[in-house]
N, C-alpha and C. Protein backbone atom coordinates (compact mmCIF):
# COMPACT_ATOMS: atom_id res chain seq x y z
N UNK A 1 -18.50 -42.00 125.17
CA UNK A 1 -17.67 -41.79 123.99
C UNK A 1 -16.32 -41.21 124.42
N UNK A 2 -15.26 -41.72 123.83
CA UNK A 2 -13.92 -41.25 124.14
C UNK A 2 -13.31 -40.72 122.85
N UNK A 3 -12.86 -39.49 122.88
CA UNK A 3 -12.15 -38.92 121.72
C UNK A 3 -10.65 -39.04 121.95
N UNK A 4 -9.96 -39.43 120.90
CA UNK A 4 -8.50 -39.60 120.95
C UNK A 4 -7.87 -38.74 119.88
N UNK A 5 -6.84 -37.99 120.25
CA UNK A 5 -6.15 -37.13 119.29
C UNK A 5 -4.65 -37.35 119.43
N UNK A 6 -4.03 -37.84 118.35
CA UNK A 6 -2.59 -38.08 118.37
C UNK A 6 -1.83 -36.83 117.96
N UNK A 7 -0.59 -36.75 118.43
CA UNK A 7 0.34 -35.70 118.04
C UNK A 7 1.74 -36.24 118.26
N UNK A 8 2.73 -35.49 117.80
CA UNK A 8 4.10 -35.86 118.11
C UNK A 8 4.81 -36.69 117.08
N UNK A 9 4.16 -36.94 115.95
CA UNK A 9 4.86 -37.61 114.87
C UNK A 9 5.80 -36.62 114.20
N UNK A 10 6.44 -37.07 113.11
CA UNK A 10 7.33 -36.16 112.40
C UNK A 10 8.33 -36.91 111.56
N UNK A 11 9.30 -36.16 111.07
CA UNK A 11 10.38 -36.70 110.24
C UNK A 11 11.65 -36.74 111.08
N UNK A 12 12.31 -37.89 111.10
CA UNK A 12 13.52 -38.05 111.89
C UNK A 12 14.48 -38.95 111.13
N UNK A 13 15.76 -38.78 111.36
CA UNK A 13 16.75 -39.64 110.74
C UNK A 13 16.81 -40.98 111.47
N UNK A 14 17.25 -41.99 110.76
CA UNK A 14 17.42 -43.30 111.38
C UNK A 14 18.36 -43.17 112.58
N UNK A 15 17.97 -43.86 113.66
CA UNK A 15 18.73 -43.78 114.90
C UNK A 15 18.19 -42.74 115.87
N UNK A 16 17.30 -41.89 115.39
CA UNK A 16 16.74 -40.84 116.23
C UNK A 16 15.57 -41.32 117.06
N UNK A 17 14.91 -40.37 117.73
CA UNK A 17 13.80 -40.69 118.63
C UNK A 17 12.61 -39.78 118.37
N UNK A 18 11.44 -40.31 118.65
CA UNK A 18 10.20 -39.55 118.64
C UNK A 18 9.34 -40.04 119.80
N UNK A 19 8.39 -39.20 120.22
CA UNK A 19 7.49 -39.58 121.31
C UNK A 19 6.07 -39.15 120.95
N UNK A 20 5.40 -39.92 120.10
CA UNK A 20 4.00 -39.61 119.82
C UNK A 20 3.17 -39.71 121.10
N UNK A 21 2.14 -38.86 121.17
CA UNK A 21 1.27 -38.87 122.32
C UNK A 21 -0.18 -38.86 121.84
N UNK A 22 -1.05 -39.45 122.62
CA UNK A 22 -2.47 -39.56 122.30
C UNK A 22 -3.25 -38.95 123.45
N UNK A 23 -3.89 -37.82 123.20
CA UNK A 23 -4.67 -37.15 124.23
C UNK A 23 -6.09 -37.68 124.23
N UNK A 24 -6.57 -38.07 125.40
CA UNK A 24 -7.91 -38.64 125.52
C UNK A 24 -8.85 -37.64 126.18
N UNK A 25 -10.12 -37.75 125.83
CA UNK A 25 -11.12 -36.84 126.39
C UNK A 25 -11.51 -37.23 127.82
N UNK A 26 -11.06 -38.41 128.24
CA UNK A 26 -11.29 -38.83 129.62
C UNK A 26 -10.17 -39.75 130.05
N UNK A 27 -10.10 -40.04 131.33
CA UNK A 27 -9.03 -40.88 131.86
C UNK A 27 -9.06 -42.26 131.23
N UNK A 28 -7.89 -42.75 130.84
CA UNK A 28 -7.77 -44.11 130.33
C UNK A 28 -7.27 -45.00 131.46
N UNK A 29 -7.99 -46.02 131.74
CA UNK A 29 -7.65 -46.91 132.84
C UNK A 29 -6.89 -48.13 132.33
N UNK A 30 -5.79 -48.46 132.98
CA UNK A 30 -4.99 -49.59 132.55
C UNK A 30 -5.69 -50.91 132.81
N UNK A 31 -6.77 -50.89 133.61
CA UNK A 31 -7.55 -52.12 133.76
C UNK A 31 -8.28 -52.46 132.46
N UNK A 32 -8.43 -51.47 131.60
CA UNK A 32 -8.94 -51.71 130.26
C UNK A 32 -7.73 -51.88 129.35
N UNK A 33 -7.75 -51.38 128.17
CA UNK A 33 -6.60 -51.59 127.29
C UNK A 33 -6.42 -50.41 126.35
N UNK A 34 -5.18 -50.01 126.18
CA UNK A 34 -4.83 -48.97 125.22
C UNK A 34 -3.68 -49.48 124.37
N UNK A 35 -3.61 -49.02 123.15
CA UNK A 35 -2.63 -49.57 122.22
C UNK A 35 -2.22 -48.54 121.17
N UNK A 36 -1.08 -48.81 120.57
CA UNK A 36 -0.62 -48.09 119.38
C UNK A 36 -0.54 -49.09 118.23
N UNK A 37 -1.11 -48.69 117.10
CA UNK A 37 -1.01 -49.43 115.86
C UNK A 37 -0.28 -48.55 114.85
N UNK A 38 0.18 -49.18 113.78
CA UNK A 38 0.76 -48.41 112.69
C UNK A 38 0.38 -49.05 111.36
N UNK A 39 0.40 -48.23 110.33
CA UNK A 39 0.13 -48.71 108.99
C UNK A 39 1.08 -48.04 108.02
N UNK A 40 1.87 -48.86 107.35
CA UNK A 40 2.78 -48.36 106.32
C UNK A 40 2.06 -48.39 104.98
N UNK A 41 2.49 -47.55 104.03
CA UNK A 41 1.84 -47.54 102.72
C UNK A 41 1.83 -48.91 102.07
N UNK A 42 0.68 -49.34 101.62
CA UNK A 42 0.55 -50.62 100.95
C UNK A 42 0.54 -51.82 101.86
N UNK A 43 0.55 -51.59 103.16
CA UNK A 43 0.57 -52.70 104.11
C UNK A 43 -0.64 -52.61 105.04
N UNK A 44 -0.92 -53.74 105.69
CA UNK A 44 -2.02 -53.77 106.64
C UNK A 44 -1.61 -53.10 107.96
N UNK A 45 -2.62 -52.64 108.67
CA UNK A 45 -2.36 -52.07 109.99
C UNK A 45 -1.87 -53.16 110.93
N UNK A 46 -0.89 -52.83 111.75
CA UNK A 46 -0.33 -53.81 112.66
C UNK A 46 -0.23 -53.24 114.07
N UNK A 47 -0.38 -54.13 115.05
CA UNK A 47 -0.26 -53.74 116.45
C UNK A 47 1.22 -53.53 116.78
N UNK A 48 1.52 -52.39 117.36
CA UNK A 48 2.89 -52.07 117.74
C UNK A 48 3.12 -52.37 119.22
N UNK A 49 2.22 -51.86 120.07
CA UNK A 49 2.36 -52.05 121.52
C UNK A 49 1.00 -51.93 122.16
N UNK A 50 0.82 -52.64 123.25
CA UNK A 50 -0.47 -52.66 123.95
C UNK A 50 -0.20 -52.62 125.44
N UNK A 51 -1.10 -51.99 126.18
CA UNK A 51 -0.97 -51.86 127.63
C UNK A 51 -2.30 -52.16 128.28
N UNK A 52 -2.25 -52.98 129.34
CA UNK A 52 -3.45 -53.22 130.14
C UNK A 52 -4.33 -54.32 129.60
N UNK A 53 -5.54 -54.42 130.18
CA UNK A 53 -6.48 -55.44 129.78
C UNK A 53 -6.04 -56.82 130.24
N UNK A 54 -6.75 -57.83 129.77
CA UNK A 54 -6.42 -59.20 130.16
C UNK A 54 -5.11 -59.69 129.54
N UNK A 55 -4.72 -59.12 128.42
CA UNK A 55 -3.52 -59.61 127.72
C UNK A 55 -2.23 -59.06 128.30
N UNK A 56 -2.29 -57.97 129.06
CA UNK A 56 -1.07 -57.39 129.60
C UNK A 56 -0.29 -56.59 128.57
N UNK A 57 0.94 -56.27 128.91
CA UNK A 57 1.78 -55.46 128.03
C UNK A 57 2.36 -56.30 126.90
N UNK A 58 2.32 -55.72 125.71
CA UNK A 58 2.79 -56.43 124.52
C UNK A 58 3.57 -55.46 123.65
N UNK A 59 4.65 -55.94 123.06
CA UNK A 59 5.39 -55.23 122.01
C UNK A 59 5.63 -56.21 120.87
N UNK A 60 5.46 -55.73 119.66
CA UNK A 60 5.81 -56.62 118.55
C UNK A 60 7.32 -56.80 118.54
N UNK A 61 7.78 -57.92 118.05
CA UNK A 61 9.19 -58.29 118.16
C UNK A 61 10.11 -57.21 117.58
N UNK A 62 9.71 -56.59 116.49
CA UNK A 62 10.60 -55.66 115.80
C UNK A 62 10.84 -54.37 116.58
N UNK A 63 10.04 -54.10 117.63
CA UNK A 63 10.22 -52.86 118.39
C UNK A 63 10.66 -53.11 119.82
N UNK A 64 10.74 -54.36 120.22
CA UNK A 64 11.15 -54.67 121.60
C UNK A 64 12.52 -54.09 121.90
N UNK A 65 12.63 -53.47 123.07
CA UNK A 65 13.88 -52.85 123.48
C UNK A 65 14.09 -51.46 122.93
N UNK A 66 13.23 -51.04 121.99
CA UNK A 66 13.37 -49.70 121.40
C UNK A 66 12.18 -48.80 121.73
N UNK A 67 11.00 -49.38 121.85
CA UNK A 67 9.77 -48.61 122.09
C UNK A 67 9.28 -48.87 123.51
N UNK A 68 8.58 -47.89 124.08
CA UNK A 68 7.97 -48.06 125.40
C UNK A 68 6.61 -47.35 125.41
N UNK A 69 5.58 -48.08 125.80
CA UNK A 69 4.23 -47.54 125.87
C UNK A 69 3.90 -47.21 127.32
N UNK A 70 3.20 -46.10 127.54
CA UNK A 70 2.86 -45.72 128.90
C UNK A 70 1.61 -44.85 128.91
N UNK A 71 0.92 -44.85 130.04
CA UNK A 71 -0.23 -43.97 130.26
C UNK A 71 0.13 -42.95 131.31
N UNK A 72 -0.14 -41.70 131.03
CA UNK A 72 0.05 -40.60 131.99
C UNK A 72 -1.34 -40.05 132.31
N UNK A 73 -1.88 -40.47 133.45
CA UNK A 73 -3.25 -40.06 133.76
C UNK A 73 -3.34 -38.59 134.16
N UNK A 74 -2.26 -38.00 134.57
CA UNK A 74 -2.29 -36.56 134.88
C UNK A 74 -2.57 -35.76 133.62
N UNK A 75 -2.06 -36.25 132.50
CA UNK A 75 -2.28 -35.58 131.21
C UNK A 75 -3.39 -36.23 130.41
N UNK A 76 -3.92 -37.35 130.91
CA UNK A 76 -4.90 -38.17 130.17
C UNK A 76 -4.34 -38.51 128.80
N UNK A 77 -3.14 -39.06 128.80
CA UNK A 77 -2.44 -39.31 127.55
C UNK A 77 -1.82 -40.70 127.52
N UNK A 78 -1.79 -41.24 126.31
CA UNK A 78 -1.08 -42.48 126.03
C UNK A 78 0.14 -42.12 125.20
N UNK A 79 1.31 -42.46 125.69
CA UNK A 79 2.55 -42.10 125.01
C UNK A 79 3.23 -43.33 124.42
N UNK A 80 4.04 -43.08 123.41
CA UNK A 80 4.87 -44.12 122.82
C UNK A 80 6.26 -43.54 122.60
N UNK A 81 7.18 -43.89 123.49
CA UNK A 81 8.57 -43.47 123.33
C UNK A 81 9.23 -44.39 122.31
N UNK A 82 9.74 -43.80 121.25
CA UNK A 82 10.36 -44.58 120.18
C UNK A 82 11.81 -44.16 120.04
N UNK A 83 12.72 -45.08 120.30
CA UNK A 83 14.15 -44.82 120.21
C UNK A 83 14.77 -45.69 119.12
N UNK A 84 15.97 -45.31 118.72
CA UNK A 84 16.71 -46.08 117.70
C UNK A 84 15.82 -46.39 116.50
N UNK A 85 15.18 -45.37 115.99
CA UNK A 85 14.21 -45.56 114.91
C UNK A 85 14.88 -46.05 113.63
N UNK A 86 14.13 -46.87 112.90
CA UNK A 86 14.60 -47.45 111.65
C UNK A 86 13.64 -47.04 110.54
N UNK A 87 14.11 -47.13 109.31
CA UNK A 87 13.27 -46.77 108.17
C UNK A 87 11.98 -47.59 108.16
N UNK A 88 12.07 -48.84 108.57
CA UNK A 88 10.88 -49.70 108.57
C UNK A 88 9.86 -49.34 109.64
N UNK A 89 10.18 -48.38 110.51
CA UNK A 89 9.20 -47.88 111.48
C UNK A 89 8.29 -46.82 110.87
N UNK A 90 8.58 -46.41 109.66
CA UNK A 90 7.77 -45.39 108.99
C UNK A 90 6.33 -45.84 108.82
N UNK A 91 5.40 -44.95 109.08
CA UNK A 91 3.99 -45.25 108.89
C UNK A 91 3.11 -44.27 109.63
N UNK A 92 1.80 -44.45 109.48
CA UNK A 92 0.84 -43.68 110.24
C UNK A 92 0.59 -44.42 111.54
N UNK A 93 0.73 -43.72 112.63
CA UNK A 93 0.57 -44.32 113.95
C UNK A 93 -0.77 -43.90 114.54
N UNK A 94 -1.52 -44.89 114.99
CA UNK A 94 -2.84 -44.67 115.56
C UNK A 94 -2.90 -45.16 117.00
N UNK A 95 -3.54 -44.39 117.87
CA UNK A 95 -3.81 -44.92 119.19
C UNK A 95 -5.23 -45.48 119.23
N UNK A 96 -5.42 -46.43 120.13
CA UNK A 96 -6.71 -47.10 120.27
C UNK A 96 -6.97 -47.39 121.74
N UNK A 97 -8.25 -47.44 122.09
CA UNK A 97 -8.62 -47.66 123.49
C UNK A 97 -9.94 -48.40 123.54
N UNK A 98 -10.07 -49.24 124.53
CA UNK A 98 -11.36 -49.90 124.75
C UNK A 98 -11.68 -49.87 126.25
N UNK A 99 -12.96 -49.80 126.57
CA UNK A 99 -13.37 -49.72 127.96
C UNK A 99 -13.85 -51.06 128.47
N UNK A 100 -13.08 -52.08 128.10
CA UNK A 100 -13.30 -53.41 128.65
C UNK A 100 -11.97 -54.15 128.58
N UNK A 101 -11.87 -55.25 129.28
CA UNK A 101 -10.58 -55.93 129.44
C UNK A 101 -10.14 -56.68 128.19
N UNK A 102 -11.07 -57.03 127.30
CA UNK A 102 -10.68 -57.74 126.09
C UNK A 102 -11.65 -57.40 124.96
N UNK A 103 -11.35 -57.90 123.78
CA UNK A 103 -12.20 -57.63 122.62
C UNK A 103 -11.61 -56.57 121.71
N UNK A 104 -12.41 -56.12 120.76
CA UNK A 104 -11.96 -55.13 119.78
C UNK A 104 -11.82 -53.76 120.43
N UNK A 105 -10.97 -52.93 119.84
CA UNK A 105 -10.82 -51.56 120.31
C UNK A 105 -11.98 -50.72 119.78
N UNK A 106 -12.59 -49.96 120.70
CA UNK A 106 -13.79 -49.19 120.38
C UNK A 106 -13.44 -47.81 119.83
N UNK A 107 -12.37 -47.23 120.31
CA UNK A 107 -12.06 -45.84 120.01
C UNK A 107 -10.69 -45.73 119.34
N UNK A 108 -10.66 -44.89 118.31
CA UNK A 108 -9.45 -44.71 117.52
C UNK A 108 -9.19 -43.23 117.31
N UNK A 109 -7.89 -42.88 117.27
CA UNK A 109 -7.53 -41.54 116.87
C UNK A 109 -7.40 -41.44 115.37
N UNK A 110 -7.06 -40.24 114.89
CA UNK A 110 -6.99 -40.00 113.45
C UNK A 110 -5.61 -40.31 112.88
N UNK A 111 -4.63 -40.51 113.76
CA UNK A 111 -3.30 -40.90 113.31
C UNK A 111 -2.31 -39.74 113.30
N UNK A 112 -1.05 -40.09 113.46
CA UNK A 112 0.04 -39.13 113.32
C UNK A 112 1.14 -39.81 112.50
N UNK A 113 1.67 -39.08 111.54
CA UNK A 113 2.64 -39.66 110.60
C UNK A 113 4.04 -39.66 111.21
N UNK A 114 4.69 -40.81 111.11
CA UNK A 114 6.09 -40.96 111.50
C UNK A 114 6.88 -41.36 110.26
N UNK A 115 7.89 -40.58 109.93
CA UNK A 115 8.73 -40.88 108.77
C UNK A 115 10.18 -40.92 109.22
N UNK A 116 10.83 -42.04 108.97
CA UNK A 116 12.23 -42.22 109.35
C UNK A 116 13.06 -42.31 108.08
N UNK A 117 13.97 -41.38 107.92
CA UNK A 117 14.81 -41.36 106.73
C UNK A 117 16.09 -42.14 107.00
N UNK A 118 16.48 -42.92 105.99
CA UNK A 118 17.68 -43.76 106.17
C UNK A 118 18.91 -43.06 105.63
């Protein structure tokens, strides 16, 4: 079992930056897969960025060039550097992890709220 706890969300003005982090109860291996999802009010959850596994690194088009996903094994953390934030980036951000190269994500955090004011 892997426990995931997100932190680092908050309220920021458009154009600003945030760096949510997801602390894991054990080392996350990039040979498996870790990801950040988000869900805005009234909308479905969507994949923001993914690292590792058979699919490799992925960013949804709307965040390419602005967001960067990374694993810091010294801290056992999955980070999401978010720059040039826009109002449409607002939502609850969840980290996810699976201990296999493909398939559904097994482990989820409780989420951290990101609000971007325009």
